[in-house]
mmCIF file of all heavy atoms, coordinates in Angstrom:
data_MODEL
# 
_entry.id   MODEL 
# 
loop_
_atom_site.group_PDB 
_atom_site.id 
_atom_site.type_symbol 
_atom_site.label_atom_id 
_atom_site.label_alt_id 
_atom_site.label_comp_id 
_atom_site.label_asym_id 
_atom_site.label_entity_id 
_atom_site.label_seq_id 
_atom_site.pdbx_PDB_ins_code 
_atom_site.Cartn_x 
_atom_site.Cartn_y 
_atom_site.Cartn_z 
_atom_site.occupancy 
_atom_site.B_iso_or_equiv 
_atom_site.pdbx_formal_charge 
_atom_site.auth_seq_id 
_atom_site.auth_comp_id 
_atom_site.auth_asym_id 
_atom_site.auth_atom_id 
_atom_site.pdbx_PDB_model_num 
ATOM 1   N N   . ARG A 1 1  ? 13.602 132.904 136.887 1.00 0.00 ? 1  ARG A N   1 
ATOM 2   C CA  . ARG A 1 1  ? 14.170 131.756 137.463 1.00 0.00 ? 1  ARG A CA  1 
ATOM 3   C C   . ARG A 1 1  ? 14.099 130.540 136.528 1.00 0.00 ? 1  ARG A C   1 
ATOM 4   O O   . ARG A 1 1  ? 15.114 129.920 136.276 1.00 0.00 ? 1  ARG A O   1 
ATOM 5   C CB  . ARG A 1 1  ? 13.322 131.434 138.797 1.00 0.00 ? 1  ARG A CB  1 
ATOM 6   C CG  . ARG A 1 1  ? 13.578 132.314 139.861 1.00 0.00 ? 1  ARG A CG  1 
ATOM 7   C CD  . ARG A 1 1  ? 12.614 132.066 141.068 1.00 0.00 ? 1  ARG A CD  1 
ATOM 8   N NE  . ARG A 1 1  ? 12.981 132.852 142.175 1.00 0.00 ? 1  ARG A NE  1 
ATOM 9   C CZ  . ARG A 1 1  ? 13.638 132.421 143.235 1.00 0.00 ? 1  ARG A CZ  1 
ATOM 10  N NH1 . ARG A 1 1  ? 13.948 131.115 143.316 1.00 0.00 ? 1  ARG A NH1 1 
ATOM 11  N NH2 . ARG A 1 1  ? 13.870 133.250 144.253 1.00 0.00 ? 1  ARG A NH2 1 
ATOM 12  N N   . ALA A 1 2  ? 12.923 130.340 135.846 1.00 0.00 ? 2  ALA A N   1 
ATOM 13  C CA  . ALA A 1 2  ? 12.804 129.172 134.961 1.00 0.00 ? 2  ALA A CA  1 
ATOM 14  C C   . ALA A 1 2  ? 13.825 129.449 133.732 1.00 0.00 ? 2  ALA A C   1 
ATOM 15  O O   . ALA A 1 2  ? 14.494 128.422 133.303 1.00 0.00 ? 2  ALA A O   1 
ATOM 16  C CB  . ALA A 1 2  ? 11.448 129.016 134.433 1.00 0.00 ? 2  ALA A CB  1 
ATOM 17  N N   . GLY A 1 3  ? 13.916 130.596 133.318 1.00 0.00 ? 3  GLY A N   1 
ATOM 18  C CA  . GLY A 1 3  ? 14.764 130.859 132.257 1.00 0.00 ? 3  GLY A CA  1 
ATOM 19  C C   . GLY A 1 3  ? 16.275 130.660 132.531 1.00 0.00 ? 3  GLY A C   1 
ATOM 20  O O   . GLY A 1 3  ? 17.041 130.091 131.792 1.00 0.00 ? 3  GLY A O   1 
ATOM 21  N N   . ALA A 1 4  ? 16.631 131.024 133.838 1.00 0.00 ? 4  ALA A N   1 
ATOM 22  C CA  . ALA A 1 4  ? 18.051 130.923 134.199 1.00 0.00 ? 4  ALA A CA  1 
ATOM 23  C C   . ALA A 1 4  ? 18.410 129.463 134.325 1.00 0.00 ? 4  ALA A C   1 
ATOM 24  O O   . ALA A 1 4  ? 19.456 128.932 133.836 1.00 0.00 ? 4  ALA A O   1 
ATOM 25  C CB  . ALA A 1 4  ? 18.219 131.566 135.607 1.00 0.00 ? 4  ALA A CB  1 
ATOM 26  N N   . HIS A 1 5  ? 17.554 128.641 135.047 1.00 0.00 ? 5  HIS A N   1 
ATOM 27  C CA  . HIS A 1 5  ? 17.885 127.187 135.174 1.00 0.00 ? 5  HIS A CA  1 
ATOM 28  C C   . HIS A 1 5  ? 17.817 126.458 133.811 1.00 0.00 ? 5  HIS A C   1 
ATOM 29  O O   . HIS A 1 5  ? 18.502 125.491 133.552 1.00 0.00 ? 5  HIS A O   1 
ATOM 30  C CB  . HIS A 1 5  ? 17.225 126.457 136.354 1.00 0.00 ? 5  HIS A CB  1 
ATOM 31  C CG  . HIS A 1 5  ? 15.788 126.249 136.035 1.00 0.00 ? 5  HIS A CG  1 
ATOM 32  N ND1 . HIS A 1 5  ? 14.764 126.724 136.907 1.00 0.00 ? 5  HIS A ND1 1 
ATOM 33  C CD2 . HIS A 1 5  ? 15.149 125.492 135.077 1.00 0.00 ? 5  HIS A CD2 1 
ATOM 34  C CE1 . HIS A 1 5  ? 13.541 126.240 136.527 1.00 0.00 ? 5  HIS A CE1 1 
ATOM 35  N NE2 . HIS A 1 5  ? 13.692 125.602 135.433 1.00 0.00 ? 5  HIS A NE2 1 
ATOM 36  N N   . THR A 1 6  ? 16.823 126.868 132.980 1.00 0.00 ? 6  THR A N   1 
ATOM 37  C CA  . THR A 1 6  ? 16.690 126.182 131.694 1.00 0.00 ? 6  THR A CA  1 
ATOM 38  C C   . THR A 1 6  ? 17.941 126.430 130.820 1.00 0.00 ? 6  THR A C   1 
ATOM 39  O O   . THR A 1 6  ? 18.422 125.435 130.195 1.00 0.00 ? 6  THR A O   1 
ATOM 40  C CB  . THR A 1 6  ? 15.386 126.692 130.972 1.00 0.00 ? 6  THR A CB  1 
ATOM 41  O OG1 . THR A 1 6  ? 14.340 126.292 131.832 1.00 0.00 ? 6  THR A OG1 1 
ATOM 42  C CG2 . THR A 1 6  ? 15.267 125.990 129.628 1.00 0.00 ? 6  THR A CG2 1 
ATOM 43  N N   . ALA A 1 7  ? 18.325 127.686 130.725 1.00 0.00 ? 7  ALA A N   1 
ATOM 44  C CA  . ALA A 1 7  ? 19.478 128.038 129.874 1.00 0.00 ? 7  ALA A CA  1 
ATOM 45  C C   . ALA A 1 7  ? 20.711 127.385 130.410 1.00 0.00 ? 7  ALA A C   1 
ATOM 46  O O   . ALA A 1 7  ? 21.480 126.718 129.543 1.00 0.00 ? 7  ALA A O   1 
ATOM 47  C CB  . ALA A 1 7  ? 19.620 129.523 129.918 1.00 0.00 ? 7  ALA A CB  1 
ATOM 48  N N   . THR A 1 8  ? 21.075 127.383 131.623 1.00 0.00 ? 8  THR A N   1 
ATOM 49  C CA  . THR A 1 8  ? 22.243 126.771 132.122 1.00 0.00 ? 8  THR A CA  1 
ATOM 50  C C   . THR A 1 8  ? 22.320 125.345 132.031 1.00 0.00 ? 8  THR A C   1 
ATOM 51  O O   . THR A 1 8  ? 23.320 124.759 131.635 1.00 0.00 ? 8  THR A O   1 
ATOM 52  C CB  . THR A 1 8  ? 22.546 127.279 133.617 1.00 0.00 ? 8  THR A CB  1 
ATOM 53  O OG1 . THR A 1 8  ? 21.400 126.956 134.399 1.00 0.00 ? 8  THR A OG1 1 
ATOM 54  C CG2 . THR A 1 8  ? 22.802 128.766 133.690 1.00 0.00 ? 8  THR A CG2 1 
ATOM 55  N N   . ILE A 1 9  ? 21.186 124.679 132.350 1.00 0.00 ? 9  ILE A N   1 
ATOM 56  C CA  . ILE A 1 9  ? 21.134 123.256 132.341 1.00 0.00 ? 9  ILE A CA  1 
ATOM 57  C C   . ILE A 1 9  ? 21.241 122.797 130.795 1.00 0.00 ? 9  ILE A C   1 
ATOM 58  O O   . ILE A 1 9  ? 21.963 121.793 130.554 1.00 0.00 ? 9  ILE A O   1 
ATOM 59  C CB  . ILE A 1 9  ? 19.836 122.679 132.966 1.00 0.00 ? 9  ILE A CB  1 
ATOM 60  C CG1 . ILE A 1 9  ? 19.885 122.903 134.430 1.00 0.00 ? 9  ILE A CG1 1 
ATOM 61  C CG2 . ILE A 1 9  ? 19.690 121.268 132.568 1.00 0.00 ? 9  ILE A CG2 1 
ATOM 62  C CD1 . ILE A 1 9  ? 18.609 122.597 135.141 1.00 0.00 ? 9  ILE A CD1 1 
ATOM 63  N N   . ALA A 1 10 ? 20.569 123.431 129.913 1.00 0.00 ? 10 ALA A N   1 
ATOM 64  C CA  . ALA A 1 10 ? 20.658 123.042 128.492 1.00 0.00 ? 10 ALA A CA  1 
ATOM 65  C C   . ALA A 1 10 ? 22.056 123.264 127.967 1.00 0.00 ? 10 ALA A C   1 
ATOM 66  O O   . ALA A 1 10 ? 22.539 122.267 127.206 1.00 0.00 ? 10 ALA A O   1 
ATOM 67  C CB  . ALA A 1 10 ? 19.601 123.887 127.701 1.00 0.00 ? 10 ALA A CB  1 
ATOM 68  N N   . LEU A 1 11 ? 22.764 124.265 128.306 1.00 0.00 ? 11 LEU A N   1 
ATOM 69  C CA  . LEU A 1 11 ? 24.026 124.451 127.850 1.00 0.00 ? 11 LEU A CA  1 
ATOM 70  C C   . LEU A 1 11 ? 25.149 123.451 128.439 1.00 0.00 ? 11 LEU A C   1 
ATOM 71  O O   . LEU A 1 11 ? 26.059 122.999 127.779 1.00 0.00 ? 11 LEU A O   1 
ATOM 72  C CB  . LEU A 1 11 ? 24.579 125.943 128.026 1.00 0.00 ? 11 LEU A CB  1 
ATOM 73  C CG  . LEU A 1 11 ? 23.691 126.883 126.980 1.00 0.00 ? 11 LEU A CG  1 
ATOM 74  C CD1 . LEU A 1 11 ? 23.860 128.328 127.483 1.00 0.00 ? 11 LEU A CD1 1 
ATOM 75  C CD2 . LEU A 1 11 ? 24.228 126.671 125.590 1.00 0.00 ? 11 LEU A CD2 1 
ATOM 76  N N   . VAL A 1 12 ? 24.911 123.276 129.747 1.00 0.00 ? 12 VAL A N   1 
ATOM 77  C CA  . VAL A 1 12 ? 25.789 122.229 130.400 1.00 0.00 ? 12 VAL A CA  1 
ATOM 78  C C   . VAL A 1 12 ? 25.469 120.854 129.862 1.00 0.00 ? 12 VAL A C   1 
ATOM 79  O O   . VAL A 1 12 ? 26.442 120.016 129.638 1.00 0.00 ? 12 VAL A O   1 
ATOM 80  C CB  . VAL A 1 12 ? 25.648 122.236 131.885 1.00 0.00 ? 12 VAL A CB  1 
ATOM 81  C CG1 . VAL A 1 12 ? 26.472 121.138 132.508 1.00 0.00 ? 12 VAL A CG1 1 
ATOM 82  C CG2 . VAL A 1 12 ? 26.235 123.630 132.422 1.00 0.00 ? 12 VAL A CG2 1 
ATOM 83  N N   . LEU A 1 13 ? 24.259 120.510 129.619 1.00 0.00 ? 13 LEU A N   1 
ATOM 84  C CA  . LEU A 1 13 ? 23.836 119.240 128.891 1.00 0.00 ? 13 LEU A CA  1 
ATOM 85  C C   . LEU A 1 13 ? 24.557 119.135 127.561 1.00 0.00 ? 13 LEU A C   1 
ATOM 86  O O   . LEU A 1 13 ? 25.009 118.067 127.209 1.00 0.00 ? 13 LEU A O   1 
ATOM 87  C CB  . LEU A 1 13 ? 22.346 119.174 128.833 1.00 0.00 ? 13 LEU A CB  1 
ATOM 88  C CG  . LEU A 1 13 ? 21.843 117.960 128.204 1.00 0.00 ? 13 LEU A CG  1 
ATOM 89  C CD1 . LEU A 1 13 ? 22.244 116.670 128.810 1.00 0.00 ? 13 LEU A CD1 1 
ATOM 90  C CD2 . LEU A 1 13 ? 20.347 118.040 127.919 1.00 0.00 ? 13 LEU A CD2 1 
ATOM 91  N N   . LEU A 1 14 ? 24.573 120.239 126.790 1.00 0.00 ? 14 LEU A N   1 
ATOM 92  C CA  . LEU A 1 14 ? 25.299 120.234 125.513 1.00 0.00 ? 14 LEU A CA  1 
ATOM 93  C C   . LEU A 1 14 ? 26.691 119.900 125.679 1.00 0.00 ? 14 LEU A C   1 
ATOM 94  O O   . LEU A 1 14 ? 27.315 119.124 124.998 1.00 0.00 ? 14 LEU A O   1 
ATOM 95  C CB  . LEU A 1 14 ? 24.989 121.487 124.745 1.00 0.00 ? 14 LEU A CB  1 
ATOM 96  C CG  . LEU A 1 14 ? 25.766 121.762 123.505 1.00 0.00 ? 14 LEU A CG  1 
ATOM 97  C CD1 . LEU A 1 14 ? 25.361 120.780 122.437 1.00 0.00 ? 14 LEU A CD1 1 
ATOM 98  C CD2 . LEU A 1 14 ? 25.632 123.192 123.023 1.00 0.00 ? 14 LEU A CD2 1 
ATOM 99  N N   . SER A 1 15 ? 27.321 120.576 126.605 1.00 0.00 ? 15 SER A N   1 
ATOM 100 C CA  . SER A 1 15 ? 28.760 120.372 126.872 1.00 0.00 ? 15 SER A CA  1 
ATOM 101 C C   . SER A 1 15 ? 29.005 118.923 127.302 1.00 0.00 ? 15 SER A C   1 
ATOM 102 O O   . SER A 1 15 ? 29.922 118.295 126.889 1.00 0.00 ? 15 SER A O   1 
ATOM 103 C CB  . SER A 1 15 ? 29.260 121.297 127.898 1.00 0.00 ? 15 SER A CB  1 
ATOM 104 O OG  . SER A 1 15 ? 30.609 121.193 128.174 1.00 0.00 ? 15 SER A OG  1 
ATOM 105 N N   . CYS A 1 16 ? 28.134 118.389 128.172 1.00 0.00 ? 16 CYS A N   1 
ATOM 106 C CA  . CYS A 1 16 ? 28.281 117.036 128.618 1.00 0.00 ? 16 CYS A CA  1 
ATOM 107 C C   . CYS A 1 16 ? 28.175 116.039 127.522 1.00 0.00 ? 16 CYS A C   1 
ATOM 108 O O   . CYS A 1 16 ? 28.939 115.087 127.373 1.00 0.00 ? 16 CYS A O   1 
ATOM 109 C CB  . CYS A 1 16 ? 27.289 116.786 129.797 1.00 0.00 ? 16 CYS A CB  1 
ATOM 110 S SG  . CYS A 1 16 ? 27.343 115.097 130.465 1.00 0.00 ? 16 CYS A SG  1 
ATOM 111 N N   . ALA A 1 17 ? 27.112 116.190 126.700 1.00 0.00 ? 17 ALA A N   1 
ATOM 112 C CA  . ALA A 1 17 ? 26.922 115.266 125.580 1.00 0.00 ? 17 ALA A CA  1 
ATOM 113 C C   . ALA A 1 17 ? 28.062 115.245 124.635 1.00 0.00 ? 17 ALA A C   1 
ATOM 114 O O   . ALA A 1 17 ? 28.530 114.182 124.168 1.00 0.00 ? 17 ALA A O   1 
ATOM 115 C CB  . ALA A 1 17 ? 25.650 115.680 124.871 1.00 0.00 ? 17 ALA A CB  1 
ATOM 116 N N   . LEU A 1 18 ? 28.611 116.451 124.274 1.00 0.00 ? 18 LEU A N   1 
ATOM 117 C CA  . LEU A 1 18 ? 29.692 116.454 123.383 1.00 0.00 ? 18 LEU A CA  1 
ATOM 118 C C   . LEU A 1 18 ? 31.011 115.947 124.014 1.00 0.00 ? 18 LEU A C   1 
ATOM 119 O O   . LEU A 1 18 ? 31.904 115.364 123.429 1.00 0.00 ? 18 LEU A O   1 
ATOM 120 C CB  . LEU A 1 18 ? 30.021 118.001 123.007 1.00 0.00 ? 18 LEU A CB  1 
ATOM 121 C CG  . LEU A 1 18 ? 28.930 118.555 122.100 1.00 0.00 ? 18 LEU A CG  1 
ATOM 122 C CD1 . LEU A 1 18 ? 29.195 119.991 121.794 1.00 0.00 ? 18 LEU A CD1 1 
ATOM 123 C CD2 . LEU A 1 18 ? 28.796 117.758 120.768 1.00 0.00 ? 18 LEU A CD2 1 
ATOM 124 N N   . SER A 1 19 ? 31.120 116.098 125.386 1.00 0.00 ? 19 SER A N   1 
ATOM 125 C CA  . SER A 1 19 ? 32.332 115.410 126.085 1.00 0.00 ? 19 SER A CA  1 
ATOM 126 C C   . SER A 1 19 ? 32.249 113.911 126.011 1.00 0.00 ? 19 SER A C   1 
ATOM 127 O O   . SER A 1 19 ? 33.247 113.232 125.774 1.00 0.00 ? 19 SER A O   1 
ATOM 128 C CB  . SER A 1 19 ? 32.242 115.924 127.533 1.00 0.00 ? 19 SER A CB  1 
ATOM 129 O OG  . SER A 1 19 ? 32.461 117.330 127.667 1.00 0.00 ? 19 SER A OG  1 
ATOM 130 N N   . PHE A 1 20 ? 30.992 113.340 126.175 1.00 0.00 ? 20 PHE A N   1 
ATOM 131 C CA  . PHE A 1 20 ? 30.876 111.918 125.962 1.00 0.00 ? 20 PHE A CA  1 
ATOM 132 C C   . PHE A 1 20 ? 31.228 111.499 124.570 1.00 0.00 ? 20 PHE A C   1 
ATOM 133 O O   . PHE A 1 20 ? 31.799 110.536 124.350 1.00 0.00 ? 20 PHE A O   1 
ATOM 134 C CB  . PHE A 1 20 ? 29.415 111.484 126.344 1.00 0.00 ? 20 PHE A CB  1 
ATOM 135 C CG  . PHE A 1 20 ? 29.162 111.145 127.778 1.00 0.00 ? 20 PHE A CG  1 
ATOM 136 C CD1 . PHE A 1 20 ? 28.664 112.078 128.672 1.00 0.00 ? 20 PHE A CD1 1 
ATOM 137 C CD2 . PHE A 1 20 ? 29.677 109.921 128.324 1.00 0.00 ? 20 PHE A CD2 1 
ATOM 138 C CE1 . PHE A 1 20 ? 28.415 111.798 130.014 1.00 0.00 ? 20 PHE A CE1 1 
ATOM 139 C CE2 . PHE A 1 20 ? 29.479 109.649 129.658 1.00 0.00 ? 20 PHE A CE2 1 
ATOM 140 C CZ  . PHE A 1 20 ? 28.857 110.597 130.465 1.00 0.00 ? 20 PHE A CZ  1 
ATOM 141 N N   . TYR A 1 21 ? 30.815 112.375 123.622 1.00 0.00 ? 21 TYR A N   1 
ATOM 142 C CA  . TYR A 1 21 ? 31.169 112.057 122.175 1.00 0.00 ? 21 TYR A CA  1 
ATOM 143 C C   . TYR A 1 21 ? 32.688 112.035 121.999 1.00 0.00 ? 21 TYR A C   1 
ATOM 144 O O   . TYR A 1 21 ? 33.146 111.180 121.311 1.00 0.00 ? 21 TYR A O   1 
ATOM 145 C CB  . TYR A 1 21 ? 30.531 113.141 121.274 1.00 0.00 ? 21 TYR A CB  1 
ATOM 146 C CG  . TYR A 1 21 ? 30.856 113.098 119.808 1.00 0.00 ? 21 TYR A CG  1 
ATOM 147 C CD1 . TYR A 1 21 ? 30.443 112.040 119.008 1.00 0.00 ? 21 TYR A CD1 1 
ATOM 148 C CD2 . TYR A 1 21 ? 31.778 114.009 119.275 1.00 0.00 ? 21 TYR A CD2 1 
ATOM 149 C CE1 . TYR A 1 21 ? 30.811 112.000 117.659 1.00 0.00 ? 21 TYR A CE1 1 
ATOM 150 C CE2 . TYR A 1 21 ? 32.110 113.943 118.015 1.00 0.00 ? 21 TYR A CE2 1 
ATOM 151 C CZ  . TYR A 1 21 ? 31.656 112.885 117.141 1.00 0.00 ? 21 TYR A CZ  1 
ATOM 152 O OH  . TYR A 1 21 ? 32.028 112.891 115.861 1.00 0.00 ? 21 TYR A OH  1 
ATOM 153 N N   . VAL A 1 22 ? 33.376 113.020 122.490 1.00 0.00 ? 22 VAL A N   1 
ATOM 154 C CA  . VAL A 1 22 ? 34.788 113.060 122.377 1.00 0.00 ? 22 VAL A CA  1 
ATOM 155 C C   . VAL A 1 22 ? 35.441 111.906 123.035 1.00 0.00 ? 22 VAL A C   1 
ATOM 156 O O   . VAL A 1 22 ? 36.393 111.219 122.386 1.00 0.00 ? 22 VAL A O   1 
ATOM 157 C CB  . VAL A 1 22 ? 35.392 114.397 122.950 1.00 0.00 ? 22 VAL A CB  1 
ATOM 158 C CG1 . VAL A 1 22 ? 36.871 114.391 123.155 1.00 0.00 ? 22 VAL A CG1 1 
ATOM 159 C CG2 . VAL A 1 22 ? 34.920 115.615 122.206 1.00 0.00 ? 22 VAL A CG2 1 
ATOM 160 N N   . LEU A 1 23 ? 34.997 111.460 124.224 1.00 0.00 ? 23 LEU A N   1 
ATOM 161 C CA  . LEU A 1 23 ? 35.524 110.294 124.900 1.00 0.00 ? 23 LEU A CA  1 
ATOM 162 C C   . LEU A 1 23 ? 35.246 109.039 124.079 1.00 0.00 ? 23 LEU A C   1 
ATOM 163 O O   . LEU A 1 23 ? 36.173 108.169 123.851 1.00 0.00 ? 23 LEU A O   1 
ATOM 164 C CB  . LEU A 1 23 ? 35.013 110.108 126.296 1.00 0.00 ? 23 LEU A CB  1 
ATOM 165 C CG  . LEU A 1 23 ? 35.520 108.969 127.076 1.00 0.00 ? 23 LEU A CG  1 
ATOM 166 C CD1 . LEU A 1 23 ? 37.021 109.091 127.441 1.00 0.00 ? 23 LEU A CD1 1 
ATOM 167 C CD2 . LEU A 1 23 ? 34.722 108.776 128.408 1.00 0.00 ? 23 LEU A CD2 1 
ATOM 168 N N   . GLY A 1 24 ? 34.080 108.989 123.430 1.00 0.00 ? 24 GLY A N   1 
ATOM 169 C CA  . GLY A 1 24 ? 33.742 107.807 122.558 1.00 0.00 ? 24 GLY A CA  1 
ATOM 170 C C   . GLY A 1 24 ? 34.602 107.733 121.324 1.00 0.00 ? 24 GLY A C   1 
ATOM 171 O O   . GLY A 1 24 ? 34.906 106.706 120.919 1.00 0.00 ? 24 GLY A O   1 
ATOM 172 N N   . GLN A 1 25 ? 35.008 108.926 120.756 1.00 0.00 ? 25 GLN A N   1 
ATOM 173 C CA  . GLN A 1 25 ? 35.903 108.905 119.686 1.00 0.00 ? 25 GLN A CA  1 
ATOM 174 C C   . GLN A 1 25 ? 37.305 108.295 120.042 1.00 0.00 ? 25 GLN A C   1 
ATOM 175 O O   . GLN A 1 25 ? 37.860 107.633 119.281 1.00 0.00 ? 25 GLN A O   1 
ATOM 176 C CB  . GLN A 1 25 ? 36.182 110.304 119.186 1.00 0.00 ? 25 GLN A CB  1 
ATOM 177 C CG  . GLN A 1 25 ? 34.943 110.839 118.368 1.00 0.00 ? 25 GLN A CG  1 
ATOM 178 C CD  . GLN A 1 25 ? 35.330 112.088 117.557 1.00 0.00 ? 25 GLN A CD  1 
ATOM 179 O OE1 . GLN A 1 25 ? 35.819 113.111 118.172 1.00 0.00 ? 25 GLN A OE1 1 
ATOM 180 N NE2 . GLN A 1 25 ? 35.081 112.145 116.275 1.00 0.00 ? 25 GLN A NE2 1 
ATOM 181 N N   . PHE A 1 26 ? 37.743 108.546 121.308 1.00 0.00 ? 26 PHE A N   1 
ATOM 182 C CA  . PHE A 1 26 ? 39.083 107.977 121.766 1.00 0.00 ? 26 PHE A CA  1 
ATOM 183 C C   . PHE A 1 26 ? 38.856 106.466 121.900 1.00 0.00 ? 26 PHE A C   1 
ATOM 184 O O   . PHE A 1 26 ? 39.648 105.563 121.547 1.00 0.00 ? 26 PHE A O   1 
ATOM 185 C CB  . PHE A 1 26 ? 39.488 108.542 123.007 1.00 0.00 ? 26 PHE A CB  1 
ATOM 186 C CG  . PHE A 1 26 ? 40.242 109.930 122.805 1.00 0.00 ? 26 PHE A CG  1 
ATOM 187 C CD1 . PHE A 1 26 ? 39.561 111.137 123.239 1.00 0.00 ? 26 PHE A CD1 1 
ATOM 188 C CD2 . PHE A 1 26 ? 41.414 110.017 122.168 1.00 0.00 ? 26 PHE A CD2 1 
ATOM 189 C CE1 . PHE A 1 26 ? 40.232 112.290 123.100 1.00 0.00 ? 26 PHE A CE1 1 
ATOM 190 C CE2 . PHE A 1 26 ? 42.108 111.230 121.992 1.00 0.00 ? 26 PHE A CE2 1 
ATOM 191 C CZ  . PHE A 1 26 ? 41.418 112.384 122.472 1.00 0.00 ? 26 PHE A CZ  1 
# 
């Protein structure tokens, strides 16, 4: 359970952070 939520949250967090970065570039 801990591994499942840690992996998915970490990867969605990465996607979210990079999305903010892309918006910031615009």
